[in-house]
Amino acid sequence: MTTTDPAAVQRAETRPGILKSFDNVNWLATVQLTGSLQQWVTKLPVARNIAAAEMTAGRKVAVLLFDPANHTDAVVVAVWV
């Protein structure tokens, strides 16, 4: 039987952001995470179930961070407003 150290387990986290740009050829986005004027995440994969027409600059997005310490390990999962 194996046990997992709870301190070693990383939890995914969802953060809101503002879409700055969208590359509809490679399906990648540039997002400014809410609460940070200088933290922009580039080349962020976008869930394929989101229509390209919905990905316009200035819209709010939800970003799922698989590793909150590594913002490049993430995906855009929703868009609204």
Protein backbone atom coordinates (compact mmCIF):
# COMPACT_ATOMS: atom_id res chain seq x y z
CA MET A 1 0.00 0.00 0.00
CA THR A 2 1.37 3.42 -0.92
CA THR A 3 0.54 6.71 0.71
CA THR A 4 0.82 10.15 -0.77
CA ASP A 5 2.25 13.01 1.22
CA PRO A 6 -0.49 15.70 1.18
CA ALA A 7 2.16 18.42 1.12
CA ALA A 8 3.57 16.99 -2.12
CA VAL A 9 0.23 16.95 -3.96
CA GLN A 10 -0.32 19.93 -6.23
CA ARG A 11 -3.85 21.13 -6.76
CA ALA A 12 -5.11 22.67 -9.97
CA GLU A 13 -6.48 26.18 -9.67
CA THR A 14 -8.80 28.26 -11.85
CA ARG A 15 -7.95 31.94 -12.34
CA PRO A 16 -9.82 34.65 -14.22
CA GLY A 17 -8.09 36.67 -16.89
CA ILE A 18 -8.53 39.08 -19.77
CA LEU A 19 -7.91 37.84 -23.30
CA LYS A 20 -5.29 39.99 -25.02
CA SER A 21 -4.93 38.07 -28.28
CA PHE A 22 -5.88 34.80 -29.95
CA ASP A 23 -4.07 32.81 -32.63
CA ASN A 24 -6.83 30.87 -34.42
CA VAL A 25 -4.32 28.91 -36.53
CA ASN A 26 -2.48 27.32 -33.60
CA TRP A 27 -5.35 27.78 -31.08
CA LEU A 28 -3.19 29.71 -28.61
CA ALA A 29 -4.01 32.77 -26.51
CA THR A 30 -2.25 35.56 -24.67
CA VAL A 31 -3.98 36.26 -21.36
CA GLN A 32 -3.45 38.83 -18.62
CA LEU A 33 -4.28 37.13 -15.35
CA THR A 34 -6.67 39.21 -13.24
CA GLY A 35 -4.99 41.00 -10.37
CA SER A 36 -1.67 41.35 -12.16
CA LEU A 37 -0.84 44.29 -14.40
CA GLN A 38 2.41 42.73 -15.56
CA GLN A 39 1.71 39.00 -15.62
CA TRP A 40 0.75 37.95 -19.12
CA VAL A 41 0.74 34.31 -20.13
CA THR A 42 1.61 33.75 -23.80
CA LYS A 43 1.12 30.72 -26.05
CA LEU A 44 -1.60 29.40 -23.73
CA PRO A 45 -3.57 26.51 -25.25
CA VAL A 46 -7.32 27.09 -25.69
CA ALA A 47 -9.94 24.36 -25.25
CA ARG A 48 -11.13 23.32 -28.71
CA ASN A 49 -14.79 23.47 -27.69
CA ILE A 50 -14.58 27.29 -27.56
CA ALA A 51 -15.58 28.85 -30.88
CA ALA A 52 -12.90 31.04 -32.48
CA ALA A 53 -15.51 33.80 -32.91
CA GLU A 54 -15.84 33.98 -29.11
CA MET A 55 -12.12 34.65 -28.63
CA THR A 56 -12.01 38.43 -29.07
CA ALA A 57 -9.58 40.69 -27.22
CA GLY A 58 -10.93 42.17 -24.01
CA ARG A 59 -13.21 39.26 -23.10
CA LYS A 60 -12.98 37.57 -19.74
CA VAL A 61 -11.58 34.04 -19.69
CA ALA A 62 -11.13 31.26 -17.17
CA VAL A 63 -7.66 29.75 -17.04
CA LEU A 64 -7.11 26.33 -15.49
CA LEU A 65 -3.61 26.18 -13.98
CA PHE A 66 -2.50 22.59 -13.48
CA ASP A 67 0.54 23.81 -11.54
CA PRO A 68 -0.05 27.25 -9.96
CA ALA A 69 3.72 27.71 -9.66
CA ASN A 70 4.13 27.26 -13.44
CA HIS A 71 1.72 29.47 -15.40
CA THR A 72 2.77 27.92 -18.68
CA ASP A 73 1.18 24.62 -17.58
CA ALA A 74 -2.38 25.84 -18.15
CA VAL A 75 -5.32 26.02 -20.58
CA VAL A 76 -8.14 28.49 -21.32
CA VAL A 77 -11.35 26.63 -20.51
CA ALA A 78 -14.09 29.28 -20.76
CA VAL A 79 -14.86 32.73 -22.13
CA TRP A 80 -17.61 35.20 -21.18
CA VAL A 81 -18.71 38.86 -21.34
